[in-house]
Amino acid sequence: MAKIPATAVAASGLVGGYGVARWTRKRPLGGVALAAAGSLAAYEWNRQAGPRAAVGLTVAYVAAFAGSHPLAKKVGAWPAVFAVAGGVAAASWAVTRRGANT
């Protein structure tokens, strides 16, 4: 089975969660997509970099979701979602690369 990096799962969870909520007009469905991707990413973060890294990155994931809302009022919804997804992806990449090299 092909492995999808946790970095991609986390970023796509934020973008996909928003997309599902917007296009279906059902915010809970977007939340399910967001939570599913976040859970899978957390599992992979734990496996790759350990529990402390997984907790930190999960907190960053949730904070990015929450932070996208006020940011969207300033720059628009899609730019805000892409910005926070990029931030989480960068943090994930940095932490998991470090964990893989130690």
PDB file of N, CA and C in Angstrom:
ATOM      1  N   MET A   1       0.840  -1.179   0.000  1.00  0.00           N
ATOM      2  CA  MET A   1       0.000   0.000   0.000  1.00  0.00           C
ATOM      3  C   MET A   1       0.884   1.241   0.000  1.00  0.00           C
ATOM      4  N   ALA A   2       0.581   2.196  -0.853  1.00  0.00           N
ATOM      5  CA  ALA A   2       1.371   3.423  -0.945  1.00  0.00           C
ATOM      6  C   ALA A   2       1.162   4.271   0.295  1.00  0.00           C
ATOM      7  N   LYS A   3       2.258   4.889   0.745  1.00  0.00           N
ATOM      8  CA  LYS A   3       2.172   5.761   1.915  1.00  0.00           C
ATOM      9  C   LYS A   3       1.980   7.200   1.467  1.00  0.00           C
ATOM     10  N   ILE A   4       1.064   7.879   2.089  1.00  0.00           N
ATOM     11  CA  ILE A   4       0.856   9.298   1.851  1.00  0.00           C
ATOM     12  C   ILE A   4       1.460  10.025   3.040  1.00  0.00           C
ATOM     13  N   PRO A   5       2.372  10.969   2.800  1.00  0.00           N
ATOM     14  CA  PRO A   5       3.016  11.661   3.919  1.00  0.00           C
ATOM     15  C   PRO A   5       2.013  12.402   4.804  1.00  0.00           C
ATOM     16  N   ALA A   6       2.275  12.396   6.101  1.00  0.00           N
ATOM     17  CA  ALA A   6       1.404  13.095   7.049  1.00  0.00           C
ATOM     18  C   ALA A   6       1.298  14.571   6.710  1.00  0.00           C
ATOM     19  N   THR A   7       2.349  15.130   6.157  1.00  0.00           N
ATOM     20  CA  THR A   7       2.338  16.537   5.745  1.00  0.00           C
ATOM     21  C   THR A   7       1.213  16.780   4.730  1.00  0.00           C
ATOM     22  N   ALA A   8       1.102  15.915   3.747  1.00  0.00           N
ATOM     23  CA  ALA A   8       0.066  16.054   2.716  1.00  0.00           C
ATOM     24  C   ALA A   8      -1.317  15.777   3.286  1.00  0.00           C
ATOM     25  N   VAL A   9      -1.408  14.817   4.189  1.00  0.00           N
ATOM     26  CA  VAL A   9      -2.705  14.488   4.800  1.00  0.00           C
ATOM     27  C   VAL A   9      -3.219  15.679   5.605  1.00  0.00           C
ATOM     28  N   ALA A  10      -2.337  16.291   6.394  1.00  0.00           N
ATOM     29  CA  ALA A  10      -2.751  17.423   7.224  1.00  0.00           C
ATOM     30  C   ALA A  10      -3.191  18.605   6.364  1.00  0.00           C
ATOM     31  N   ALA A  11      -2.387  18.952   5.375  1.00  0.00           N
ATOM     32  CA  ALA A  11      -2.740  20.083   4.516  1.00  0.00           C
ATOM     33  C   ALA A  11      -4.034  19.813   3.748  1.00  0.00           C
ATOM     34  N   SER A  12      -4.165  18.612   3.226  1.00  0.00           N
ATOM     35  CA  SER A  12      -5.386  18.304   2.469  1.00  0.00           C
ATOM     36  C   SER A  12      -6.597  18.199   3.382  1.00  0.00           C
ATOM     37  N   GLY A  13      -6.393  17.865   4.651  1.00  0.00           N
ATOM     38  CA  GLY A  13      -7.502  17.834   5.598  1.00  0.00           C
ATOM     39  C   GLY A  13      -8.081  19.216   5.839  1.00  0.00           C
ATOM     40  N   LEU A  14      -7.205  20.203   5.947  1.00  0.00           N
ATOM     41  CA  LEU A  14      -7.677  21.575   6.141  1.00  0.00           C
ATOM     42  C   LEU A  14      -8.373  22.098   4.885  1.00  0.00           C
ATOM     43  N   VAL A  15      -7.750  21.887   3.742  1.00  0.00           N
ATOM     44  CA  VAL A  15      -8.346  22.353   2.483  1.00  0.00           C
ATOM     45  C   VAL A  15      -9.608  21.552   2.159  1.00  0.00           C
ATOM     46  N   GLY A  16      -9.520  20.239   2.292  1.00  0.00           N
ATOM     47  CA  GLY A  16     -10.659  19.384   1.983  1.00  0.00           C
ATOM     48  C   GLY A  16     -11.825  19.583   2.931  1.00  0.00           C
ATOM     49  N   GLY A  17     -11.533  19.770   4.198  1.00  0.00           N
ATOM     50  CA  GLY A  17     -12.600  20.009   5.171  1.00  0.00           C
ATOM     51  C   GLY A  17     -13.392  21.264   4.830  1.00  0.00           C
ATOM     52  N   TYR A  18     -12.662  22.328   4.483  1.00  0.00           N
ATOM     53  CA  TYR A  18     -13.346  23.550   4.094  1.00  0.00           C
ATOM     54  C   TYR A  18     -14.122  23.346   2.795  1.00  0.00           C
ATOM     55  N   GLY A  19     -13.503  22.686   1.828  1.00  0.00           N
ATOM     56  CA  GLY A  19     -14.169  22.454   0.549  1.00  0.00           C
ATOM     57  C   GLY A  19     -15.446  21.653   0.698  1.00  0.00           C
ATOM     58  N   VAL A  20     -15.396  20.597   1.491  1.00  0.00           N
ATOM     59  CA  VAL A  20     -16.587  19.769   1.715  1.00  0.00           C
ATOM     60  C   VAL A  20     -17.683  20.606   2.380  1.00  0.00           C
ATOM     61  N   ALA A  21     -17.320  21.378   3.406  1.00  0.00           N
ATOM     62  CA  ALA A  21     -18.317  22.198   4.108  1.00  0.00           C
ATOM     63  C   ALA A  21     -18.943  23.226   3.168  1.00  0.00           C
ATOM     64  N   ARG A  22     -18.105  23.836   2.356  1.00  0.00           N
ATOM     65  CA  ARG A  22     -18.618  24.878   1.461  1.00  0.00           C
ATOM     66  C   ARG A  22     -19.499  24.305   0.357  1.00  0.00           C
ATOM     67  N   TRP A  23     -19.044  23.236  -0.291  1.00  0.00           N
ATOM     68  CA  TRP A  23     -19.774  22.725  -1.447  1.00  0.00           C
ATOM     69  C   TRP A  23     -21.013  21.919  -1.088  1.00  0.00           C
ATOM     70  N   THR A  24     -21.011  21.299   0.084  1.00  0.00           N
ATOM     71  CA  THR A  24     -22.213  20.568   0.490  1.00  0.00           C
ATOM     72  C   THR A  24     -23.161  21.442   1.300  1.00  0.00           C
ATOM     73  N   ARG A  25     -22.659  22.582   1.762  1.00  0.00           N
ATOM     74  CA  ARG A  25     -23.402  23.482   2.658  1.00  0.00           C
ATOM     75  C   ARG A  25     -23.766  22.786   3.974  1.00  0.00           C
ATOM     76  N   LYS A  26     -22.956  21.815   4.345  1.00  0.00           N
ATOM     77  CA  LYS A  26     -23.149  21.088   5.600  1.00  0.00           C
ATOM     78  C   LYS A  26     -21.834  21.125   6.366  1.00  0.00           C
ATOM     79  N   ARG A  27     -21.748  22.077   7.297  1.00  0.00           N
ATOM     80  CA  ARG A  27     -20.515  22.255   8.047  1.00  0.00           C
ATOM     81  C   ARG A  27     -20.098  20.998   8.811  1.00  0.00           C
ATOM     82  N   PRO A  28     -21.030  20.231   9.389  1.00  0.00           N
ATOM     83  CA  PRO A  28     -20.596  19.015  10.082  1.00  0.00           C
ATOM     84  C   PRO A  28     -19.866  18.021   9.171  1.00  0.00           C
ATOM     85  N   LEU A  29     -20.256  17.954   7.907  1.00  0.00           N
ATOM     86  CA  LEU A  29     -19.555  17.067   6.977  1.00  0.00           C
ATOM     87  C   LEU A  29     -18.120  17.524   6.770  1.00  0.00           C
ATOM     88  N   GLY A  30     -17.916  18.822   6.690  1.00  0.00           N
ATOM     89  CA  GLY A  30     -16.565  19.364   6.597  1.00  0.00           C
ATOM     90  C   GLY A  30     -15.767  19.033   7.848  1.00  0.00           C
ATOM     91  N   GLY A  31     -16.439  19.085   8.996  1.00  0.00           N
ATOM     92  CA  GLY A  31     -15.784  18.732  10.255  1.00  0.00           C
ATOM     93  C   GLY A  31     -15.357  17.275  10.300  1.00  0.00           C
ATOM     94  N   VAL A  32     -16.169  16.409   9.716  1.00  0.00           N
ATOM     95  CA  VAL A  32     -15.817  14.986   9.657  1.00  0.00           C
ATOM     96  C   VAL A  32     -14.565  14.800   8.812  1.00  0.00           C
ATOM     97  N   ALA A  33     -14.518  15.456   7.659  1.00  0.00           N
ATOM     98  CA  ALA A  33     -13.333  15.355   6.794  1.00  0.00           C
ATOM     99  C   ALA A  33     -12.103  15.915   7.506  1.00  0.00           C
ATOM    100  N   LEU A  34     -12.253  17.048   8.152  1.00  0.00           N
ATOM    101  CA  LEU A  34     -11.158  17.674   8.892  1.00  0.00           C
ATOM    102  C   LEU A  34     -10.658  16.756  10.005  1.00  0.00           C
ATOM    103  N   ALA A  35     -11.580  16.189  10.765  1.00  0.00           N
ATOM    104  CA  ALA A  35     -11.205  15.312  11.882  1.00  0.00           C
ATOM    105  C   ALA A  35     -10.570  14.006  11.403  1.00  0.00           C
ATOM    106  N   ALA A  36     -11.108  13.445  10.326  1.00  0.00           N
ATOM    107  CA  ALA A  36     -10.550  12.187   9.803  1.00  0.00           C
ATOM    108  C   ALA A  36      -9.112  12.386   9.349  1.00  0.00           C
ATOM    109  N   ALA A  37      -8.877  13.450   8.601  1.00  0.00           N
ATOM    110  CA  ALA A  37      -7.513  13.719   8.134  1.00  0.00           C
ATOM    111  C   ALA A  37      -6.597  14.051   9.309  1.00  0.00           C
ATOM    112  N   GLY A  38      -7.106  14.809  10.269  1.00  0.00           N
ATOM    113  CA  GLY A  38      -6.304  15.144  11.449  1.00  0.00           C
ATOM    114  C   GLY A  38      -5.941  13.913  12.258  1.00  0.00           C
ATOM    115  N   SER A  39      -6.865  12.992  12.379  1.00  0.00           N
ATOM    116  CA  SER A  39      -6.586  11.754  13.120  1.00  0.00           C
ATOM    117  C   SER A  39      -5.531  10.910  12.419  1.00  0.00           C
ATOM    118  N   LEU A  40      -5.661  10.784  11.118  1.00  0.00           N
ATOM    119  CA  LEU A  40      -4.673  10.017  10.353  1.00  0.00           C
ATOM    120  C   LEU A  40      -3.302  10.692  10.422  1.00  0.00           C
ATOM    121  N   ALA A  41      -3.278  11.999  10.298  1.00  0.00           N
ATOM    122  CA  ALA A  41      -2.009  12.726  10.382  1.00  0.00           C
ATOM    123  C   ALA A  41      -1.383  12.546  11.766  1.00  0.00           C
ATOM    124  N   ALA A  42      -2.195  12.643  12.817  1.00  0.00           N
ATOM    125  CA  ALA A  42      -1.675  12.483  14.181  1.00  0.00           C
ATOM    126  C   ALA A  42      -1.087  11.091  14.381  1.00  0.00           C
ATOM    127  N   TYR A  43      -1.748  10.095  13.840  1.00  0.00           N
ATOM    128  CA  TYR A  43      -1.230   8.724  13.924  1.00  0.00           C
ATOM    129  C   TYR A  43       0.147   8.638  13.260  1.00  0.00           C
ATOM    130  N   GLU A  44       0.256   9.214  12.078  1.00  0.00           N
ATOM    131  CA  GLU A  44       1.528   9.185  11.353  1.00  0.00           C
ATOM    132  C   GLU A  44       2.593  10.027  12.045  1.00  0.00           C
ATOM    133  N   TRP A  45       2.214  11.186  12.573  1.00  0.00           N
ATOM    134  CA  TRP A  45       3.177  12.008  13.308  1.00  0.00           C
ATOM    135  C   TRP A  45       3.725  11.242  14.503  1.00  0.00           C
ATOM    136  N   ASN A  46       2.854  10.542  15.203  1.00  0.00           N
ATOM    137  CA  ASN A  46       3.287   9.748  16.351  1.00  0.00           C
ATOM    138  C   ASN A  46       4.245   8.643  15.914  1.00  0.00           C
ATOM    139  N   ARG A  47       3.905   7.997  14.825  1.00  0.00           N
ATOM    140  CA  ARG A  47       4.746   6.914  14.325  1.00  0.00           C
ATOM    141  C   ARG A  47       6.109   7.418  13.857  1.00  0.00           C
ATOM    142  N   GLN A  48       6.115   8.570  13.200  1.00  0.00           N
ATOM    143  CA  GLN A  48       7.348   9.090  12.611  1.00  0.00           C
ATOM    144  C   GLN A  48       8.225   9.860  13.593  1.00  0.00           C
ATOM    145  N   ALA A  49       7.608  10.614  14.489  1.00  0.00           N
ATOM    146  CA  ALA A  49       8.402  11.529  15.316  1.00  0.00           C
ATOM    147  C   ALA A  49       8.132  11.404  16.812  1.00  0.00           C
ATOM    148  N   GLY A  50       7.205  10.536  17.207  1.00  0.00           N
ATOM    149  CA  GLY A  50       6.944  10.329  18.628  1.00  0.00           C
ATOM    150  C   GLY A  50       5.741  11.091  19.142  1.00  0.00           C
ATOM    151  N   PRO A  51       5.340  10.749  20.373  1.00  0.00           N
ATOM    152  CA  PRO A  51       4.101  11.324  20.916  1.00  0.00           C
ATOM    153  C   PRO A  51       4.164  12.829  21.179  1.00  0.00           C
ATOM    154  N   ARG A  52       5.297  13.332  21.617  1.00  0.00           N
ATOM    155  CA  ARG A  52       5.377  14.780  21.878  1.00  0.00           C
ATOM    156  C   ARG A  52       5.199  15.575  20.588  1.00  0.00           C
ATOM    157  N   ALA A  53       5.841  15.126  19.537  1.00  0.00           N
ATOM    158  CA  ALA A  53       5.697  15.800  18.245  1.00  0.00           C
ATOM    159  C   ALA A  53       4.260  15.693  17.743  1.00  0.00           C
ATOM    160  N   ALA A  54       3.653  14.524  17.922  1.00  0.00           N
ATOM    161  CA  ALA A  54       2.271  14.330  17.468  1.00  0.00           C
ATOM    162  C   ALA A  54       1.319  15.274  18.201  1.00  0.00           C
ATOM    163  N   VAL A  55       1.500  15.420  19.501  1.00  0.00           N
ATOM    164  CA  VAL A  55       0.646  16.335  20.268  1.00  0.00           C
ATOM    165  C   VAL A  55       0.858  17.772  19.798  1.00  0.00           C
ATOM    166  N   GLY A  56       2.109  18.170  19.639  1.00  0.00           N
ATOM    167  CA  GLY A  56       2.397  19.540  19.197  1.00  0.00           C
ATOM    168  C   GLY A  56       1.827  19.837  17.823  1.00  0.00           C
ATOM    169  N   LEU A  57       1.990  18.901  16.908  1.00  0.00           N
ATOM    170  CA  LEU A  57       1.471  19.116  15.558  1.00  0.00           C
ATOM    171  C   LEU A  57      -0.053  19.051  15.511  1.00  0.00           C
ATOM    172  N   THR A  58      -0.644  18.231  16.358  1.00  0.00           N
ATOM    173  CA  THR A  58      -2.105  18.187  16.424  1.00  0.00           C
ATOM    174  C   THR A  58      -2.652  19.506  16.964  1.00  0.00           C
ATOM    175  N   VAL A  59      -1.990  20.055  17.963  1.00  0.00           N
ATOM    176  CA  VAL A  59      -2.384  21.373  18.483  1.00  0.00           C
ATOM    177  C   VAL A  59      -2.246  22.426  17.382  1.00  0.00           C
ATOM    178  N   ALA A  60      -1.162  22.357  16.616  1.00  0.00           N
ATOM    179  CA  ALA A  60      -0.973  23.297  15.507  1.00  0.00           C
ATOM    180  C   ALA A  60      -2.074  23.142  14.456  1.00  0.00           C
ATOM    181  N   TYR A  61      -2.475  21.909  14.191  1.00  0.00           N
ATOM    182  CA  TYR A  61      -3.538  21.629  13.219  1.00  0.00           C
ATOM    183  C   TYR A  61      -4.860  22.268  13.666  1.00  0.00           C
ATOM    184  N   VAL A  62      -5.206  22.060  14.923  1.00  0.00           N
ATOM    185  CA  VAL A  62      -6.451  22.625  15.460  1.00  0.00           C
ATOM    186  C   VAL A  62      -6.369  24.152  15.504  1.00  0.00           C
ATOM    187  N   ALA A  63      -5.196  24.676  15.906  1.00  0.00           N
ATOM    188  CA  ALA A  63      -5.016  26.128  15.953  1.00  0.00           C
ATOM    189  C   ALA A  63      -5.098  26.736  14.553  1.00  0.00           C
ATOM    190  N   ALA A  64      -4.587  26.023  13.559  1.00  0.00           N
ATOM    191  CA  ALA A  64      -4.674  26.512  12.184  1.00  0.00           C
ATOM    192  C   ALA A  64      -6.131  26.578  11.732  1.00  0.00           C
ATOM    193  N   PHE A  65      -6.892  25.556  12.065  1.00  0.00           N
ATOM    194  CA  PHE A  65      -8.313  25.560  11.735  1.00  0.00           C
ATOM    195  C   PHE A  65      -9.004  26.754  12.386  1.00  0.00           C
ATOM    196  N   ALA A  66      -8.753  26.943  13.671  1.00  0.00           N
ATOM    197  CA  ALA A  66      -9.381  28.064  14.387  1.00  0.00           C
ATOM    198  C   ALA A  66      -8.879  29.406  13.850  1.00  0.00           C
ATOM    199  N   GLY A  67      -7.602  29.497  13.576  1.00  0.00           N
ATOM    200  CA  GLY A  67      -7.021  30.749  13.106  1.00  0.00           C
ATOM    201  C   GLY A  67      -7.435  31.119  11.695  1.00  0.00           C
ATOM    202  N   SER A  68      -7.868  30.149  10.928  1.00  0.00           N
ATOM    203  CA  SER A  68      -8.283  30.457   9.556  1.00  0.00           C
ATOM    204  C   SER A  68      -9.544  31.315   9.535  1.00  0.00           C
ATOM    205  N   HIS A  69     -10.356  31.218  10.564  1.00  0.00           N
ATOM    206  CA  HIS A  69     -11.609  31.978  10.586  1.00  0.00           C
ATOM    207  C   HIS A  69     -11.381  33.481  10.675  1.00  0.00           C
ATOM    208  N   PRO A  70     -10.624  33.989  11.666  1.00  0.00           N
ATOM    209  CA  PRO A  70     -10.387  35.436  11.678  1.00  0.00           C
ATOM    210  C   PRO A  70      -9.524  35.896  10.495  1.00  0.00           C
ATOM    211  N   LEU A  71      -8.612  35.050  10.050  1.00  0.00           N
ATOM    212  CA  LEU A  71      -7.790  35.406   8.896  1.00  0.00           C
ATOM    213  C   LEU A  71      -8.649  35.557   7.646  1.00  0.00           C
ATOM    214  N   ALA A  72      -9.671  34.727   7.517  1.00  0.00           N
ATOM    215  CA  ALA A  72     -10.555  34.792   6.354  1.00  0.00           C
ATOM    216  C   ALA A  72     -11.273  36.136   6.266  1.00  0.00           C
ATOM    217  N   LYS A  73     -11.533  36.757   7.390  1.00  0.00           N
ATOM    218  CA  LYS A  73     -12.193  38.068   7.379  1.00  0.00           C
ATOM    219  C   LYS A  73     -11.287  39.145   6.793  1.00  0.00           C
ATOM    220  N   LYS A  74      -9.976  38.902   6.834  1.00  0.00           N
ATOM    221  CA  LYS A  74      -9.024  39.886   6.321  1.00  0.00           C
ATOM    222  C   LYS A  74      -8.605  39.610   4.880  1.00  0.00           C
ATOM    223  N   VAL A  75      -8.434  38.333   4.519  1.00  0.00           N
ATOM    224  CA  VAL A  75      -7.880  38.013   3.199  1.00  0.00           C
ATOM    225  C   VAL A  75      -8.809  37.182   2.318  1.00  0.00           C
ATOM    226  N   GLY A  76      -9.910  36.718   2.862  1.00  0.00           N
ATOM    227  CA  GLY A  76     -10.822  35.857   2.112  1.00  0.00           C
ATOM    228  C   GLY A  76     -10.688  34.415   2.572  1.00  0.00           C
ATOM    229  N   ALA A  77     -11.723  33.630   2.313  1.00  0.00           N
ATOM    230  CA  ALA A  77     -11.777  32.268   2.844  1.00  0.00           C
ATOM    231  C   ALA A  77     -10.716  31.350   2.240  1.00  0.00           C
ATOM    232  N   TRP A  78     -10.679  31.237   0.917  1.00  0.00           N
ATOM    233  CA  TRP A  78      -9.722  30.311   0.314  1.00  0.00           C
ATOM    234  C   TRP A  78      -8.278  30.696   0.578  1.00  0.00           C
ATOM    235  N   PRO A  79      -7.907  31.983   0.452  1.00  0.00           N
ATOM    236  CA  PRO A  79      -6.516  32.332   0.778  1.00  0.00           C
ATOM    237  C   PRO A  79      -6.153  31.997   2.232  1.00  0.00           C
ATOM    238  N   ALA A  80      -7.097  32.194   3.138  1.00  0.00           N
ATOM    239  CA  ALA A  80      -6.833  31.871   4.546  1.00  0.00           C
ATOM    240  C   ALA A  80      -6.632  30.375   4.731  1.00  0.00           C
ATOM    241  N   VAL A  81      -7.478  29.579   4.100  1.00  0.00           N
ATOM    242  CA  VAL A  81      -7.362  28.122   4.222  1.00  0.00           C
ATOM    243  C   VAL A  81      -6.032  27.648   3.646  1.00  0.00           C
ATOM    244  N   PHE A  82      -5.674  28.159   2.473  1.00  0.00           N
ATOM    245  CA  PHE A  82      -4.399  27.750   1.875  1.00  0.00           C
ATOM    246  C   PHE A  82      -3.211  28.209   2.718  1.00  0.00           C
ATOM    247  N   ALA A  83      -3.309  29.379   3.318  1.00  0.00           N
ATOM    248  CA  ALA A  83      -2.211  29.875   4.152  1.00  0.00           C
ATOM    249  C   ALA A  83      -2.000  28.993   5.382  1.00  0.00           C
ATOM    250  N   VAL A  84      -3.079  28.660   6.082  1.00  0.00           N
ATOM    251  CA  VAL A  84      -2.910  27.836   7.285  1.00  0.00           C
ATOM    252  C   VAL A  84      -2.525  26.409   6.924  1.00  0.00           C
ATOM    253  N   ALA A  85      -3.035  25.904   5.796  1.00  0.00           N
ATOM    254  CA  ALA A  85      -2.640  24.559   5.357  1.00  0.00           C
ATOM    255  C   ALA A  85      -1.149  24.528   5.043  1.00  0.00           C
ATOM    256  N   GLY A  86      -0.654  25.573   4.402  1.00  0.00           N
ATOM    257  CA  GLY A  86       0.773  25.655   4.118  1.00  0.00           C
ATOM    258  C   GLY A  86       1.607  25.736   5.383  1.00  0.00           C
ATOM    259  N   GLY A  87       1.116  26.477   6.365  1.00  0.00           N
ATOM    260  CA  GLY A  87       1.831  26.574   7.640  1.00  0.00           C
ATOM    261  C   GLY A  87       1.905  25.240   8.360  1.00  0.00           C
ATOM    262  N   VAL A  88       0.799  24.527   8.392  1.00  0.00           N
ATOM    263  CA  VAL A  88       0.784  23.204   9.041  1.00  0.00           C
ATOM    264  C   VAL A  88       1.665  22.229   8.271  1.00  0.00           C
ATOM    265  N   ALA A  89       1.608  22.292   6.949  1.00  0.00           N
ATOM    266  CA  ALA A  89       2.452  21.401   6.143  1.00  0.00           C
ATOM    267  C   ALA A  89       3.929  21.669   6.403  1.00  0.00           C
ATOM    268  N   ALA A  90       4.303  22.934   6.477  1.00  0.00           N
ATOM    269  CA  ALA A  90       5.707  23.280   6.740  1.00  0.00           C
ATOM    270  C   ALA A  90       6.140  22.796   8.122  1.00  0.00           C
ATOM    271  N   ALA A  91       5.298  23.012   9.121  1.00  0.00           N
ATOM    272  CA  ALA A  91       5.631  22.553  10.477  1.00  0.00           C
ATOM    273  C   ALA A  91       5.730  21.033  10.519  1.00  0.00           C
ATOM    274  N   SER A  92       4.803  20.367   9.876  1.00  0.00           N
ATOM    275  CA  SER A  92       4.816  18.908   9.839  1.00  0.00           C
ATOM    276  C   SER A  92       6.084  18.397   9.170  1.00  0.00           C
ATOM    277  N   TRP A  93       6.416  18.971   8.042  1.00  0.00           N
ATOM    278  CA  TRP A  93       7.612  18.553   7.323  1.00  0.00           C
ATOM    279  C   TRP A  93       8.857  18.760   8.186  1.00  0.00           C
ATOM    280  N   ALA A  94       8.957  19.918   8.823  1.00  0.00           N
ATOM    281  CA  ALA A  94      10.137  20.223   9.639  1.00  0.00           C
ATOM    282  C   ALA A  94      10.268  19.242  10.815  1.00  0.00           C
ATOM    283  N   VAL A  95       9.170  18.964  11.467  1.00  0.00           N
ATOM    284  CA  VAL A  95       9.216  18.080  12.651  1.00  0.00           C
ATOM    285  C   VAL A  95       9.439  16.642  12.249  1.00  0.00           C
ATOM    286  N   THR A  96       8.763  16.159  11.226  1.00  0.00           N
ATOM    287  CA  THR A  96       8.927  14.760  10.859  1.00  0.00           C
ATOM    288  C   THR A  96      10.272  14.507  10.196  1.00  0.00           C
ATOM    289  N   ARG A  97      10.815  15.478   9.486  1.00  0.00           N
ATOM    290  CA  ARG A  97      12.159  15.319   8.919  1.00  0.00           C
ATOM    291  C   ARG A  97      13.188  15.228  10.036  1.00  0.00           C
ATOM    292  N   ARG A  98      13.037  16.056  11.043  1.00  0.00           N
ATOM    293  CA  ARG A  98      13.951  16.046  12.176  1.00  0.00           C
ATOM    294  C   ARG A  98      13.836  14.715  12.911  1.00  0.00           C
ATOM    295  N   GLY A  99      12.602  14.234  13.107  1.00  0.00           N
ATOM    296  CA  GLY A  99      12.392  12.966  13.796  1.00  0.00           C
ATOM    297  C   GLY A  99      12.939  11.789  13.016  1.00  0.00           C
ATOM    298  N   ALA A 100      12.882  11.870  11.701  1.00  0.00           N
ATOM    299  CA  ALA A 100      13.372  10.783  10.865  1.00  0.00           C
ATOM    300  C   ALA A 100      14.908  10.718  10.841  1.00  0.00           C
ATOM    301  N   ASN A 101      15.528  11.862  11.124  1.00  0.00           N
ATOM    302  CA  ASN A 101      16.988  11.919  11.063  1.00  0.00           C
ATOM    303  C   ASN A 101      17.655  11.705  12.410  1.00  0.00           C
ATOM    304  N   THR A 102      16.887  11.536  13.476  1.00  0.00           N
ATOM    305  CA  THR A 102      17.517  11.346  14.776  1.00  0.00           C
ATOM    306  C   THR A 102      17.576   9.893  15.156  1.00  0.00           C
TER     307      THR A 102
END
